[in-house]
Amino acid sequence: MIRNSAFKPAWWLSNPHAQTVWPFLFRRRPEPNTRTESVELPDGDFLDIAWLDNNAGPFILIMHGLEGSLQSHYAANLLMQLDAVGYSAVFMHFRGCGGRPNRKDRSYHSGDTKDFSFMLDYIERKSGRSVDAAIGYSLGGNVLLKWLGETGTKSKLTIAIAISVPFLLGDTATRLEKGVSKLYQAHLLSSLKRSYKQRFKDRPSPLTIDIEKLKTFREYDDQVTAPLNGFRGVDHYYSESSSRQYLKNIQSPTLILHAKDDPFMWPTTIPTQEELSEYVTLELTKGGGHVGFVSGTIPGLAHYWLEKRIIEELQLHMPINQNTLE
């Protein structure tokens, strides 16, 4: 089902770039009461997670976006509000995103669902509690939707929520080469290059490339992401990893929150009704940018709609009888 959202963007942040940049620059990053753990993976690599498990409420696994972390503007704020309501959570850093380079040559990428699947089992083994819900932002949302489509009826999640998903990776790559969106590409590419150089600081890279000559996502994905992760090239990586083709196979309740003006993709990137299974609700906002969704009538006084909408959906499927969220 596709439906229009009640979200109204702040009139003083009326364009998608203002919506996208405002929380990145100005939103406060609180410090949730988490404990960190380094988790060993089956292939000899590791990733870092943050536990928020002081509550008895349902367990939620959260994945960030490209080059994101617990310091991303949406991450700690969501954890704080989940904690206030009574939910438990684990924030999963993708490989190399927890402040330390990963051991293996390979990197995380938009189509890698194995680490997410492993973490679902790991959390249950470690805590004795199963994961009830999952939330993914941007790249993490793509991973989540792809996993749901691959898993089908085997998914045990009560609800999954994906935000600002790059449904077609090739579309995102071309969109970020245009206009103001090139600034996002430059920022993220700079971070990816730093991560690559840090990973191979003390050992040789298997790739014979000049990383600084790569100027677009398509070039980076063709010469770095694809070969390091077993793809034949960028087109193979994009075709295998894009989540839009998996939506029709999802067999558990799923909410996708997406702005029609998301500057990371084209309007035509948004899936059609025919591409959604009966379990998927695609909620479209008129504005909101990429992981922005800022409302408010007074300039400078921002209200962040996204967390309230997420918790509203969680309460619908996994209610907690507390009214602590303002």
Protein backbone atom coordinates (compact mmCIF):
# COMPACT_ATOMS: atom_id res chain seq x y z
CA MET A 1 0.00 0.00 0.00
CA ILE A 2 1.14 3.52 -0.78
CA ARG A 3 -0.22 6.37 1.32
CA ASN A 4 0.53 10.04 1.82
CA SER A 5 1.93 11.12 5.16
CA ALA A 6 0.55 13.81 7.45
CA PHE A 7 4.07 15.23 7.91
CA LYS A 8 4.38 18.95 7.14
CA PRO A 9 7.89 20.29 6.61
CA ALA A 10 8.91 23.48 8.37
CA TRP A 11 8.12 26.40 6.08
CA TRP A 12 11.54 27.87 6.83
CA LEU A 13 13.17 24.62 5.65
CA SER A 14 11.02 24.19 2.59
CA ASN A 15 13.54 22.72 0.15
CA PRO A 16 14.99 19.20 0.33
CA HIS A 17 18.57 20.33 0.85
CA ALA A 18 17.66 22.47 3.86
CA GLN A 19 15.73 19.53 5.31
CA THR A 20 18.69 17.20 4.76
CA VAL A 21 21.44 19.49 6.05
CA TRP A 22 19.73 21.13 9.05
CA PRO A 23 19.75 18.12 11.43
CA PHE A 24 23.24 17.13 10.28
CA LEU A 25 24.59 20.57 11.23
CA PHE A 26 22.42 21.71 14.11
CA ARG A 27 20.74 18.80 15.85
CA ARG A 28 22.01 17.98 19.32
CA ARG A 29 23.65 14.57 19.75
CA PRO A 30 22.75 13.25 23.21
CA GLU A 31 24.61 10.40 24.91
CA PRO A 32 22.32 7.42 25.44
CA ASN A 33 23.05 4.99 28.25
CA THR A 34 24.60 2.28 26.09
CA ARG A 35 27.37 -0.25 26.54
CA THR A 36 29.58 -1.19 23.61
CA GLU A 37 30.76 -4.59 22.46
CA SER A 38 33.03 -5.81 19.69
CA VAL A 39 31.44 -8.83 18.02
CA GLU A 40 33.56 -11.44 16.26
CA LEU A 41 32.10 -12.50 12.90
CA PRO A 42 32.27 -15.99 11.35
CA ASP A 43 34.77 -14.92 8.68
CA GLY A 44 37.30 -13.59 11.20
CA ASP A 45 36.26 -9.95 10.97
CA PHE A 46 34.40 -7.95 13.60
CA LEU A 47 31.87 -5.19 14.05
CA ASP A 48 30.94 -2.96 16.97
CA ILE A 49 27.52 -2.70 18.55
CA ALA A 50 25.93 -0.59 21.28
CA TRP A 51 23.48 -2.22 23.69
CA LEU A 52 20.54 -0.37 25.20
CA ASP A 53 19.10 -3.19 27.26
CA ASN A 54 18.14 -1.81 30.66
CA ASN A 55 14.45 -2.10 29.76
CA ALA A 56 12.24 -5.16 29.54
CA GLY A 57 10.45 -3.91 26.43
CA PRO A 58 10.68 -5.46 22.94
CA PHE A 59 14.13 -5.62 21.31
CA ILE A 60 14.93 -3.48 18.25
CA LEU A 61 17.99 -3.78 15.98
CA ILE A 62 19.05 -0.53 14.27
CA MET A 63 21.30 -0.04 11.21
CA HIS A 64 22.79 3.27 10.10
CA GLY A 65 23.38 4.77 6.67
CA LEU A 66 26.50 5.09 4.51
CA GLU A 67 29.50 6.04 6.69
CA GLY A 68 27.14 6.56 9.61
CA SER A 69 27.61 5.62 13.25
CA LEU A 70 26.17 6.11 16.70
CA GLN A 71 27.24 9.75 16.30
CA SER A 72 24.89 10.28 13.34
CA HIS A 73 22.21 12.86 14.11
CA TYR A 74 19.38 10.32 13.95
CA ALA A 75 21.06 7.52 15.92
CA ALA A 76 21.49 8.68 19.51
CA ASN A 77 18.26 10.66 19.38
CA LEU A 78 16.29 7.55 18.42
CA LEU A 79 17.96 5.50 21.15
CA MET A 80 17.14 8.13 23.75
CA GLN A 81 13.48 8.13 22.79
CA LEU A 82 13.27 4.34 22.60
CA ASP A 83 14.76 4.18 26.08
CA ALA A 84 12.25 6.74 27.38
CA VAL A 85 9.33 4.67 26.15
CA GLY A 86 10.72 1.39 27.48
CA TYR A 87 12.08 -0.41 24.41
CA SER A 88 15.39 -2.26 24.30
CA ALA A 89 17.74 -1.86 21.35
CA VAL A 90 21.04 -2.75 19.77
CA PHE A 91 22.69 -0.25 17.44
CA MET A 92 24.75 -2.16 14.87
CA HIS A 93 27.76 -0.50 13.28
CA PHE A 94 28.64 -1.91 9.89
CA ARG A 95 32.18 -3.24 9.53
CA GLY A 96 34.72 -0.47 9.99
CA CYS A 97 32.16 2.13 11.12
CA GLY A 98 32.63 1.83 14.87
CA GLY A 99 35.80 3.93 15.00
CA ARG A 100 38.26 1.19 14.02
CA PRO A 101 39.10 -0.26 10.59
CA ASN A 102 37.90 -3.81 10.04
CA ARG A 103 40.39 -6.63 9.60
CA LYS A 104 39.32 -8.03 6.26
CA ASP A 105 39.96 -6.49 2.85
CA ARG A 106 36.24 -6.50 2.12
CA SER A 107 33.99 -3.64 3.17
CA TYR A 108 30.36 -3.28 4.15
CA HIS A 109 28.01 -2.48 1.28
CA SER A 110 24.36 -1.86 0.41
CA GLY A 111 23.56 -5.47 -0.42
CA ASP A 112 25.31 -7.29 2.41
CA THR A 113 22.59 -8.93 4.51
CA LYS A 114 24.75 -11.64 6.11
CA ASP A 115 26.04 -9.52 8.98
CA PHE A 116 22.51 -8.36 9.82
CA SER A 117 21.27 -11.94 9.77
CA PHE A 118 24.17 -13.02 11.98
CA MET A 119 23.41 -10.24 14.46
CA LEU A 120 19.79 -11.32 14.81
CA ASP A 121 20.98 -14.75 15.94
CA TYR A 122 23.83 -13.34 18.02
CA ILE A 123 21.58 -11.03 20.04
CA GLU A 124 19.22 -13.89 20.83
CA ARG A 125 22.10 -16.15 21.92
CA LYS A 126 23.74 -13.43 23.99
CA SER A 127 20.68 -11.92 25.65
CA GLY A 128 18.21 -14.78 25.61
CA ARG A 129 15.74 -12.44 23.93
CA SER A 130 14.78 -12.42 20.27
CA VAL A 131 14.84 -9.28 18.13
CA ASP A 132 11.27 -8.10 17.65
CA ALA A 133 11.79 -5.21 15.23
CA ALA A 134 14.43 -3.69 12.96
CA ILE A 135 15.01 -0.14 11.76
CA GLY A 136 17.29 0.83 8.88
CA TYR A 137 18.32 4.27 7.67
CA SER A 138 19.29 4.87 4.02
CA LEU A 139 21.89 2.17 3.20
CA GLY A 140 20.80 0.31 6.33
CA GLY A 141 17.23 0.50 5.10
CA ASN A 142 18.27 -1.00 1.77
CA VAL A 143 19.98 -3.86 3.62
CA LEU A 144 16.88 -4.40 5.75
CA LEU A 145 14.43 -4.48 2.82
CA LYS A 146 16.69 -6.79 0.83
CA TRP A 147 16.96 -9.16 3.80
CA LEU A 148 13.19 -9.15 4.28
CA GLY A 149 12.69 -10.04 0.61
CA GLU A 150 15.31 -12.78 0.75
CA THR A 151 13.89 -14.20 3.97
CA GLY A 152 10.18 -14.09 3.11
CA THR A 153 8.06 -16.10 5.53
CA LYS A 154 11.11 -17.03 7.63
CA SER A 155 11.35 -13.52 9.08
CA LYS A 156 10.42 -13.45 12.77
CA LEU A 157 10.27 -9.65 12.97
CA THR A 158 7.03 -8.17 14.24
CA ILE A 159 7.67 -4.91 12.36
CA ALA A 160 10.44 -3.49 10.16
CA ILE A 161 10.89 0.21 9.43
CA ALA A 162 13.09 1.56 6.62
CA ILE A 163 13.81 5.26 6.13
CA SER A 164 15.03 7.19 3.06
CA VAL A 165 16.01 4.03 1.19
CA PRO A 166 18.08 4.17 -2.05
CA PHE A 167 15.82 1.61 -3.74
CA LEU A 168 17.86 1.64 -6.97
CA LEU A 169 21.57 2.15 -6.33
CA GLY A 170 22.26 3.15 -9.91
CA ASP A 171 19.67 5.92 -9.63
CA THR A 172 21.33 7.23 -6.48
CA ALA A 173 24.73 7.20 -8.16
CA THR A 174 23.50 9.29 -11.10
CA ARG A 175 21.37 11.63 -8.95
CA LEU A 176 24.33 12.48 -6.75
CA GLU A 177 26.26 13.63 -9.81
CA LYS A 178 23.72 16.39 -10.46
CA GLY A 179 23.29 19.91 -9.09
CA VAL A 180 23.52 20.59 -5.37
CA SER A 181 23.43 16.85 -4.67
CA LYS A 182 27.06 16.69 -5.81
CA LEU A 183 27.93 18.14 -2.39
CA TYR A 184 26.58 15.03 -0.66
CA GLN A 185 28.60 12.86 -3.02
CA ALA A 186 31.77 14.81 -2.27
CA HIS A 187 31.23 14.59 1.49
CA LEU A 188 30.49 10.86 1.51
CA LEU A 189 33.24 9.99 -0.96
CA SER A 190 35.75 11.82 1.20
CA SER A 191 34.68 9.69 4.17
CA LEU A 192 34.82 6.47 2.14
CA LYS A 193 38.33 7.29 0.95
CA ARG A 194 39.49 7.98 4.50
CA SER A 195 38.05 4.66 5.62
CA TYR A 196 39.74 2.83 2.74
CA LYS A 197 43.14 4.38 3.48
CA GLN A 198 42.80 3.63 7.19
CA ARG A 199 41.92 0.00 6.46
CA PHE A 200 45.05 -0.47 4.35
CA LYS A 201 47.34 1.74 6.40
CA ASP A 202 49.37 -1.17 7.77
CA ARG A 203 48.88 -3.74 5.02
CA PRO A 204 48.82 -3.65 1.21
CA SER A 205 45.52 -3.28 -0.59
CA PRO A 206 44.65 -5.98 -3.14
CA LEU A 207 43.63 -3.17 -5.50
CA THR A 208 46.04 -1.27 -7.71
CA ILE A 209 44.22 2.05 -7.83
CA ASP A 210 44.81 5.70 -7.02
CA ILE A 211 41.94 6.26 -4.61
CA GLU A 212 42.16 10.05 -4.91
CA LYS A 213 41.36 9.93 -8.62
CA LEU A 214 37.89 8.51 -7.98
CA LYS A 215 35.43 11.40 -8.21
CA THR A 216 31.98 9.76 -8.28
CA PHE A 217 30.14 7.00 -6.46
CA ARG A 218 29.95 5.02 -9.68
CA GLU A 219 33.73 5.14 -10.06
CA TYR A 220 34.28 4.23 -6.41
CA ASP A 221 31.79 1.36 -6.50
CA ASP A 222 33.25 0.05 -9.76
CA GLN A 223 36.88 0.16 -8.66
CA VAL A 224 36.59 -0.42 -4.90
CA THR A 225 33.24 -1.71 -3.62
CA ALA A 226 32.63 -4.22 -6.40
CA PRO A 227 36.05 -5.94 -6.55
CA LEU A 228 36.51 -6.03 -2.77
CA ASN A 229 33.14 -7.73 -2.31
CA GLY A 230 33.11 -10.25 -5.14
CA PHE A 231 31.10 -8.40 -7.79
CA ARG A 232 32.09 -8.34 -11.45
CA GLY A 233 31.72 -4.57 -11.61
CA VAL A 234 29.52 -1.66 -10.64
CA ASP A 235 26.49 -2.73 -12.69
CA HIS A 236 26.61 -6.23 -11.20
CA TYR A 237 26.84 -4.74 -7.71
CA TYR A 238 23.95 -2.34 -8.27
CA SER A 239 21.69 -4.92 -9.91
CA GLU A 240 22.27 -7.53 -7.19
CA SER A 241 22.09 -5.17 -4.23
CA SER A 242 19.23 -2.75 -4.98
CA SER A 243 16.27 -3.43 -2.70
CA ARG A 244 13.39 -2.44 -5.00
CA GLN A 245 13.31 -5.84 -6.70
CA TYR A 246 12.88 -7.57 -3.31
CA LEU A 247 9.86 -5.62 -2.08
CA LYS A 248 7.30 -7.94 -3.66
CA ASN A 249 8.73 -10.89 -1.71
CA ILE A 250 8.42 -9.36 1.76
CA GLN A 251 6.13 -11.44 3.97
CA SER A 252 6.15 -9.56 7.29
CA PRO A 253 4.82 -6.10 8.28
CA THR A 254 7.07 -3.38 6.90
CA LEU A 255 6.82 0.42 6.90
CA ILE A 256 8.90 2.52 4.52
CA LEU A 257 9.14 6.26 5.23
CA HIS A 258 10.27 8.28 2.24
CA ALA A 259 10.22 11.90 1.09
CA LYS A 260 9.08 12.58 -2.45
CA ASP A 261 11.80 15.23 -2.72
CA ASP A 262 14.69 13.09 -1.43
CA PRO A 263 17.78 14.66 -3.09
CA PHE A 264 19.63 11.33 -3.11
CA MET A 265 17.41 9.89 -5.85
CA TRP A 266 14.87 10.66 -8.55
CA PRO A 267 11.08 10.72 -8.10
CA THR A 268 10.95 7.72 -10.45
CA THR A 269 13.16 5.76 -8.04
CA ILE A 270 10.18 5.38 -5.70
CA PRO A 271 8.53 1.95 -6.09
CA THR A 272 5.07 1.59 -7.59
CA GLN A 273 2.12 -0.11 -5.91
CA GLU A 274 2.61 -3.15 -8.14
CA GLU A 275 6.12 -3.64 -6.76
CA LEU A 276 4.99 -3.86 -3.13
CA SER A 277 3.79 -6.97 -1.37
CA GLU A 278 0.64 -6.79 0.72
CA TYR A 279 2.80 -6.56 3.84
CA VAL A 280 4.57 -3.35 2.78
CA THR A 281 3.30 0.16 3.46
CA LEU A 282 5.14 2.95 1.65
CA GLU A 283 4.39 6.23 3.42
CA LEU A 284 5.37 9.23 1.30
CA THR A 285 5.92 12.71 2.67
CA LYS A 286 5.54 15.82 0.53
CA GLY A 287 8.89 17.13 1.78
CA GLY A 288 11.57 16.05 4.19
CA GLY A 289 14.72 15.52 2.15
CA HIS A 290 17.04 12.63 3.03
CA VAL A 291 16.64 11.52 6.67
CA GLY A 292 15.50 15.04 7.50
CA PHE A 293 11.78 15.34 8.21
CA VAL A 294 12.02 18.61 10.16
CA SER A 295 8.78 20.39 11.09
CA GLY A 296 8.02 23.49 13.16
CA THR A 297 6.37 26.86 12.65
CA ILE A 298 8.98 29.06 14.39
CA PRO A 299 12.26 29.62 12.49
CA GLY A 300 15.14 27.93 14.28
CA LEU A 301 12.88 25.91 16.56
CA ALA A 302 12.99 22.51 14.89
CA HIS A 303 10.72 19.60 15.65
CA TYR A 304 11.94 16.18 14.53
CA TRP A 305 9.02 14.16 13.26
CA LEU A 306 10.84 10.97 12.37
CA GLU A 307 11.39 9.52 15.85
CA LYS A 308 7.78 10.22 16.84
CA ARG A 309 6.53 8.47 13.70
CA ILE A 310 8.82 5.48 14.29
CA ILE A 311 7.69 5.05 17.88
CA GLU A 312 4.07 5.48 16.85
CA GLU A 313 4.52 2.51 14.49
CA LEU A 314 6.35 0.46 17.11
CA GLN A 315 3.57 1.10 19.60
CA LEU A 316 1.02 -0.03 17.04
CA HIS A 317 2.69 -3.42 16.65
CA MET A 318 4.45 -3.79 20.02
CA PRO A 319 2.60 -1.58 22.51
CA ILE A 320 4.17 -0.48 25.77
CA ASN A 321 1.78 1.03 28.28
CA GLN A 322 3.80 4.15 28.98
CA ASN A 323 3.10 7.70 27.92
CA THR A 324 6.54 9.18 28.42
CA LEU A 325 7.17 10.44 24.88
CA GLU A 326 6.47 14.13 24.42
